[in-house]
Amino acid sequence: MPVLDFAWALCDIVEHVDRDPAGSRASRPQHAELDFTESTDRLLFERRFGWVDIEADWQEADEPR
């Protein structure tokens, strides 16, 4: 059941990027990634100040960092 595996993986990502004791006030970025088993593609997650940025490594960035 690929959809359930993906949902479980997203729940795991949420727990991973929410480990900072300061919670949504945390200024230190929290990173996590989700890799796909059938390819080398990944989704990259970064949480900082209560916001979560999501990037796909198979696409070019819209804006330079």
PDB file of N, CA and C in Angstrom:
ATOM      1  N   MET A   1       0.830  -1.171   0.000  1.00  0.00           N
ATOM      2  CA  MET A   1       0.000   0.000   0.000  1.00  0.00           C
ATOM      3  C   MET A   1       0.884   1.246   0.000  1.00  0.00           C
ATOM      4  N   PRO A   2       1.276   1.695  -1.173  1.00  0.00           N
ATOM      5  CA  PRO A   2       2.187   2.837  -1.272  1.00  0.00           C
ATOM      6  C   PRO A   2       1.646   4.122  -0.645  1.00  0.00           C
ATOM      7  N   VAL A   3       0.342   4.357  -0.738  1.00  0.00           N
ATOM      8  CA  VAL A   3      -0.222   5.589  -0.178  1.00  0.00           C
ATOM      9  C   VAL A   3      -0.079   5.594   1.344  1.00  0.00           C
ATOM     10  N   LEU A   4      -0.344   4.474   1.974  1.00  0.00           N
ATOM     11  CA  LEU A   4      -0.206   4.398   3.433  1.00  0.00           C
ATOM     12  C   LEU A   4       1.259   4.511   3.851  1.00  0.00           C
ATOM     13  N   ASP A   5       2.165   3.929   3.079  1.00  0.00           N
ATOM     14  CA  ASP A   5       3.596   4.066   3.374  1.00  0.00           C
ATOM     15  C   ASP A   5       4.025   5.526   3.285  1.00  0.00           C
ATOM     16  N   PHE A   6       3.532   6.224   2.268  1.00  0.00           N
ATOM     17  CA  PHE A   6       3.869   7.643   2.113  1.00  0.00           C
ATOM     18  C   PHE A   6       3.317   8.452   3.286  1.00  0.00           C
ATOM     19  N   ALA A   7       2.077   8.186   3.687  1.00  0.00           N
ATOM     20  CA  ALA A   7       1.472   8.893   4.824  1.00  0.00           C
ATOM     21  C   ALA A   7       2.252   8.619   6.105  1.00  0.00           C
ATOM     22  N   TRP A   8       2.650   7.378   6.319  1.00  0.00           N
ATOM     23  CA  TRP A   8       3.442   7.033   7.509  1.00  0.00           C
ATOM     24  C   TRP A   8       4.782   7.760   7.482  1.00  0.00           C
ATOM     25  N   ALA A   9       5.394   7.839   6.310  1.00  0.00           N
ATOM     26  CA  ALA A   9       6.682   8.525   6.183  1.00  0.00           C
ATOM     27  C   ALA A   9       6.535  10.014   6.490  1.00  0.00           C
ATOM     28  N   LEU A  10       5.436  10.633   6.056  1.00  0.00           N
ATOM     29  CA  LEU A  10       5.220  12.048   6.361  1.00  0.00           C
ATOM     30  C   LEU A  10       5.013  12.264   7.860  1.00  0.00           C
ATOM     31  N   CYS A  11       4.319  11.355   8.519  1.00  0.00           N
ATOM     32  CA  CYS A  11       4.148  11.444   9.974  1.00  0.00           C
ATOM     33  C   CYS A  11       5.509  11.362  10.676  1.00  0.00           C
ATOM     34  N   ASP A  12       6.366  10.496  10.182  1.00  0.00           N
ATOM     35  CA  ASP A  12       7.710  10.366  10.734  1.00  0.00           C
ATOM     36  C   ASP A  12       8.506  11.654  10.523  1.00  0.00           C
ATOM     37  N   ILE A  13       8.368  12.274   9.375  1.00  0.00           N
ATOM     38  CA  ILE A  13       9.041  13.538   9.080  1.00  0.00           C
ATOM     39  C   ILE A  13       8.587  14.616  10.062  1.00  0.00           C
ATOM     40  N   VAL A  14       7.286  14.696  10.312  1.00  0.00           N
ATOM     41  CA  VAL A  14       6.747  15.688  11.244  1.00  0.00           C
ATOM     42  C   VAL A  14       7.369  15.509  12.620  1.00  0.00           C
ATOM     43  N   GLU A  15       7.455  14.291  13.099  1.00  0.00           N
ATOM     44  CA  GLU A  15       8.072  14.037  14.401  1.00  0.00           C
ATOM     45  C   GLU A  15       9.548  14.422  14.396  1.00  0.00           C
ATOM     46  N   HIS A  16      10.213  14.170  13.296  1.00  0.00           N
ATOM     47  CA  HIS A  16      11.647  14.462  13.212  1.00  0.00           C
ATOM     48  C   HIS A  16      11.925  15.963  13.238  1.00  0.00           C
ATOM     49  N   VAL A  17      11.162  16.762  12.490  1.00  0.00           N
ATOM     50  CA  VAL A  17      11.423  18.199  12.439  1.00  0.00           C
ATOM     51  C   VAL A  17      10.814  18.947  13.624  1.00  0.00           C
ATOM     52  N   ASP A  18      10.117  18.248  14.505  1.00  0.00           N
ATOM     53  CA  ASP A  18       9.495  18.874  15.668  1.00  0.00           C
ATOM     54  C   ASP A  18      10.221  18.501  16.960  1.00  0.00           C
ATOM     55  N   ARG A  19      11.483  18.152  16.883  1.00  0.00           N
ATOM     56  CA  ARG A  19      12.220  17.708  18.070  1.00  0.00           C
ATOM     57  C   ARG A  19      12.784  18.837  18.917  1.00  0.00           C
ATOM     58  N   ASP A  20      12.887  20.035  18.371  1.00  0.00           N
ATOM     59  CA  ASP A  20      13.480  21.142  19.123  1.00  0.00           C
ATOM     60  C   ASP A  20      12.572  21.513  20.290  1.00  0.00           C
ATOM     61  N   PRO A  21      13.107  21.597  21.501  1.00  0.00           N
ATOM     62  CA  PRO A  21      12.278  21.930  22.666  1.00  0.00           C
ATOM     63  C   PRO A  21      11.623  23.309  22.576  1.00  0.00           C
ATOM     64  N   ALA A  22      12.189  24.209  21.778  1.00  0.00           N
ATOM     65  CA  ALA A  22      11.607  25.547  21.633  1.00  0.00           C
ATOM     66  C   ALA A  22      10.375  25.539  20.735  1.00  0.00           C
ATOM     67  N   GLY A  23      10.092  24.420  20.113  1.00  0.00           N
ATOM     68  CA  GLY A  23       8.895  24.299  19.273  1.00  0.00           C
ATOM     69  C   GLY A  23       8.916  25.243  18.095  1.00  0.00           C
ATOM     70  N   SER A  24       7.796  25.900  17.839  1.00  0.00           N
ATOM     71  CA  SER A  24       7.690  26.763  16.658  1.00  0.00           C
ATOM     72  C   SER A  24       8.520  28.034  16.779  1.00  0.00           C
ATOM     73  N   ARG A  25       9.037  28.330  17.963  1.00  0.00           N
ATOM     74  CA  ARG A  25       9.888  29.510  18.146  1.00  0.00           C
ATOM     75  C   ARG A  25      11.346  29.231  17.815  1.00  0.00           C
ATOM     76  N   ALA A  26      11.680  27.991  17.543  1.00  0.00           N
ATOM     77  CA  ALA A  26      13.073  27.607  17.334  1.00  0.00           C
ATOM     78  C   ALA A  26      13.665  28.286  16.100  1.00  0.00           C
ATOM     79  N   SER A  27      14.821  28.911  16.279  1.00  0.00           N
ATOM     80  CA  SER A  27      15.491  29.559  15.153  1.00  0.00           C
ATOM     81  C   SER A  27      16.450  28.603  14.450  1.00  0.00           C
ATOM     82  N   ARG A  28      16.837  27.553  15.149  1.00  0.00           N
ATOM     83  CA  ARG A  28      17.755  26.577  14.551  1.00  0.00           C
ATOM     84  C   ARG A  28      16.984  25.693  13.582  1.00  0.00           C
ATOM     85  N   PRO A  29      17.424  25.617  12.326  1.00  0.00           N
ATOM     86  CA  PRO A  29      16.698  24.790  11.350  1.00  0.00           C
ATOM     87  C   PRO A  29      16.736  23.309  11.718  1.00  0.00           C
ATOM     88  N   GLN A  30      15.624  22.644  11.496  1.00  0.00           N
ATOM     89  CA  GLN A  30      15.521  21.203  11.671  1.00  0.00           C
ATOM     90  C   GLN A  30      15.361  20.602  10.272  1.00  0.00           C
ATOM     91  N   HIS A  31      16.159  19.596   9.948  1.00  0.00           N
ATOM     92  CA  HIS A  31      16.154  19.017   8.609  1.00  0.00           C
ATOM     93  C   HIS A  31      15.674  17.568   8.630  1.00  0.00           C
ATOM     94  N   ALA A  32      15.022  17.183   7.555  1.00  0.00           N
ATOM     95  CA  ALA A  32      14.626  15.793   7.345  1.00  0.00           C
ATOM     96  C   ALA A  32      14.498  15.578   5.843  1.00  0.00           C
ATOM     97  N   GLU A  33      14.572  14.336   5.443  1.00  0.00           N
ATOM     98  CA  GLU A  33      14.387  14.027   4.026  1.00  0.00           C
ATOM     99  C   GLU A  33      13.596  12.739   3.872  1.00  0.00           C
ATOM    100  N   LEU A  34      12.909  12.673   2.764  1.00  0.00           N
ATOM    101  CA  LEU A  34      12.119  11.505   2.423  1.00  0.00           C
ATOM    102  C   LEU A  34      12.635  11.003   1.089  1.00  0.00           C
ATOM    103  N   ASP A  35      13.208   9.811   1.091  1.00  0.00           N
ATOM    104  CA  ASP A  35      13.705   9.255  -0.166  1.00  0.00           C
ATOM    105  C   ASP A  35      12.737   8.188  -0.660  1.00  0.00           C
ATOM    106  N   PHE A  36      12.673   8.071  -1.957  1.00  0.00           N
ATOM    107  CA  PHE A  36      11.766   7.125  -2.594  1.00  0.00           C
ATOM    108  C   PHE A  36      12.535   5.847  -2.911  1.00  0.00           C
ATOM    109  N   THR A  37      11.949   4.718  -2.608  1.00  0.00           N
ATOM    110  CA  THR A  37      12.665   3.441  -2.734  1.00  0.00           C
ATOM    111  C   THR A  37      12.914   3.028  -4.175  1.00  0.00           C
ATOM    112  N   GLU A  38      12.100   3.483  -5.102  1.00  0.00           N
ATOM    113  CA  GLU A  38      12.246   3.048  -6.492  1.00  0.00           C
ATOM    114  C   GLU A  38      13.066   4.007  -7.341  1.00  0.00           C
ATOM    115  N   SER A  39      13.624   5.050  -6.729  1.00  0.00           N
ATOM    116  CA  SER A  39      14.447   6.000  -7.464  1.00  0.00           C
ATOM    117  C   SER A  39      15.403   6.672  -6.479  1.00  0.00           C
ATOM    118  N   THR A  40      16.195   7.586  -6.979  1.00  0.00           N
ATOM    119  CA  THR A  40      17.112   8.335  -6.117  1.00  0.00           C
ATOM    120  C   THR A  40      16.528   9.686  -5.739  1.00  0.00           C
ATOM    121  N   ASP A  41      15.269   9.936  -6.080  1.00  0.00           N
ATOM    122  CA  ASP A  41      14.624  11.212  -5.792  1.00  0.00           C
ATOM    123  C   ASP A  41      14.340  11.348  -4.302  1.00  0.00           C
ATOM    124  N   ARG A  42      14.407  12.610  -3.842  1.00  0.00           N
ATOM    125  CA  ARG A  42      14.152  12.886  -2.429  1.00  0.00           C
ATOM    126  C   ARG A  42      13.327  14.154  -2.275  1.00  0.00           C
ATOM    127  N   LEU A  43      12.537  14.200  -1.216  1.00  0.00           N
ATOM    128  CA  LEU A  43      11.903  15.430  -0.765  1.00  0.00           C
ATOM    129  C   LEU A  43      12.692  15.896   0.454  1.00  0.00           C
ATOM    130  N   LEU A  44      13.043  17.165   0.475  1.00  0.00           N
ATOM    131  CA  LEU A  44      13.852  17.730   1.552  1.00  0.00           C
ATOM    132  C   LEU A  44      12.990  18.694   2.361  1.00  0.00           C
ATOM    133  N   PHE A  45      12.998  18.539   3.675  1.00  0.00           N
ATOM    134  CA  PHE A  45      12.182  19.348   4.568  1.00  0.00           C
ATOM    135  C   PHE A  45      13.098  20.145   5.489  1.00  0.00           C
ATOM    136  N   GLU A  46      12.755  21.412   5.699  1.00  0.00           N
ATOM    137  CA  GLU A  46      13.494  22.242   6.655  1.00  0.00           C
ATOM    138  C   GLU A  46      12.483  23.075   7.433  1.00  0.00           C
ATOM    139  N   ARG A  47      12.504  22.938   8.751  1.00  0.00           N
ATOM    140  CA  ARG A  47      11.591  23.706   9.598  1.00  0.00           C
ATOM    141  C   ARG A  47      12.393  24.741  10.366  1.00  0.00           C
ATOM    142  N   ARG A  48      11.864  25.975  10.378  1.00  0.00           N
ATOM    143  CA  ARG A  48      12.479  27.055  11.137  1.00  0.00           C
ATOM    144  C   ARG A  48      11.407  28.089  11.443  1.00  0.00           C
ATOM    145  N   PHE A  49      11.331  28.522  12.689  1.00  0.00           N
ATOM    146  CA  PHE A  49      10.339  29.500  13.134  1.00  0.00           C
ATOM    147  C   PHE A  49       8.910  29.093  12.781  1.00  0.00           C
ATOM    148  N   GLY A  50       8.595  27.817  12.878  1.00  0.00           N
ATOM    149  CA  GLY A  50       7.234  27.361  12.646  1.00  0.00           C
ATOM    150  C   GLY A  50       6.864  27.166  11.187  1.00  0.00           C
ATOM    151  N   TRP A  51       7.769  27.464  10.282  1.00  0.00           N
ATOM    152  CA  TRP A  51       7.525  27.270   8.848  1.00  0.00           C
ATOM    153  C   TRP A  51       8.287  26.048   8.374  1.00  0.00           C
ATOM    154  N   VAL A  52       7.709  25.330   7.439  1.00  0.00           N
ATOM    155  CA  VAL A  52       8.385  24.174   6.855  1.00  0.00           C
ATOM    156  C   VAL A  52       8.541  24.413   5.351  1.00  0.00           C
ATOM    157  N   ASP A  53       9.785  24.423   4.899  1.00  0.00           N
ATOM    158  CA  ASP A  53      10.078  24.512   3.465  1.00  0.00           C
ATOM    159  C   ASP A  53      10.262  23.096   2.944  1.00  0.00           C
ATOM    160  N   ILE A  54       9.677  22.824   1.785  1.00  0.00           N
ATOM    161  CA  ILE A  54       9.793  21.510   1.159  1.00  0.00           C
ATOM    162  C   ILE A  54      10.367  21.706  -0.239  1.00  0.00           C
ATOM    163  N   GLU A  55      11.431  20.978  -0.512  1.00  0.00           N
ATOM    164  CA  GLU A  55      12.049  21.018  -1.837  1.00  0.00           C
ATOM    165  C   GLU A  55      12.106  19.607  -2.395  1.00  0.00           C
ATOM    166  N   ALA A  56      12.037  19.516  -3.692  1.00  0.00           N
ATOM    167  CA  ALA A  56      12.240  18.245  -4.384  1.00  0.00           C
ATOM    168  C   ALA A  56      13.586  18.326  -5.080  1.00  0.00           C
ATOM    169  N   ASP A  57      14.452  17.360  -4.852  1.00  0.00           N
ATOM    170  CA  ASP A  57      15.794  17.461  -5.429  1.00  0.00           C
ATOM    171  C   ASP A  57      15.819  17.190  -6.930  1.00  0.00           C
ATOM    172  N   TRP A  58      14.703  16.769  -7.512  1.00  0.00           N
ATOM    173  CA  TRP A  58      14.671  16.520  -8.940  1.00  0.00           C
ATOM    174  C   TRP A  58      14.230  17.758  -9.728  1.00  0.00           C
ATOM    175  N   GLN A  59      13.895  18.845  -9.044  1.00  0.00           N
ATOM    176  CA  GLN A  59      13.507  20.082  -9.710  1.00  0.00           C
ATOM    177  C   GLN A  59      14.492  21.182  -9.367  1.00  0.00           C
ATOM    178  N   GLU A  60      14.646  22.108 -10.287  1.00  0.00           N
ATOM    179  CA  GLU A  60      15.498  23.260 -10.013  1.00  0.00           C
ATOM    180  C   GLU A  60      14.765  24.188  -9.067  1.00  0.00           C
ATOM    181  N   ALA A  61      15.524  24.864  -8.211  1.00  0.00           N
ATOM    182  CA  ALA A  61      14.924  25.789  -7.262  1.00  0.00           C
ATOM    183  C   ALA A  61      14.361  26.992  -7.997  1.00  0.00           C
ATOM    184  N   ASP A  62      13.186  27.466  -7.554  1.00  0.00           N
ATOM    185  CA  ASP A  62      12.581  28.662  -8.139  1.00  0.00           C
ATOM    186  C   ASP A  62      13.386  29.899  -7.813  1.00  0.00           C
ATOM    187  N   GLU A  63      13.908  29.938  -6.595  1.00  0.00           N
ATOM    188  CA  GLU A  63      14.658  31.095  -6.138  1.00  0.00           C
ATOM    189  C   GLU A  63      15.994  30.647  -5.559  1.00  0.00           C
ATOM    190  N   PRO A  64      17.038  31.394  -5.831  1.00  0.00           N
ATOM    191  CA  PRO A  64      18.327  31.037  -5.216  1.00  0.00           C
ATOM    192  C   PRO A  64      18.296  31.291  -3.722  1.00  0.00           C
ATOM    193  N   ARG A  65      19.024  30.493  -2.983  1.00  0.00           N
ATOM    194  CA  ARG A  65      19.083  30.666  -1.511  1.00  0.00           C
ATOM    195  C   ARG A  65      20.211  31.561  -1.134  1.00  0.00           C
TER     196      ARG A  65
END
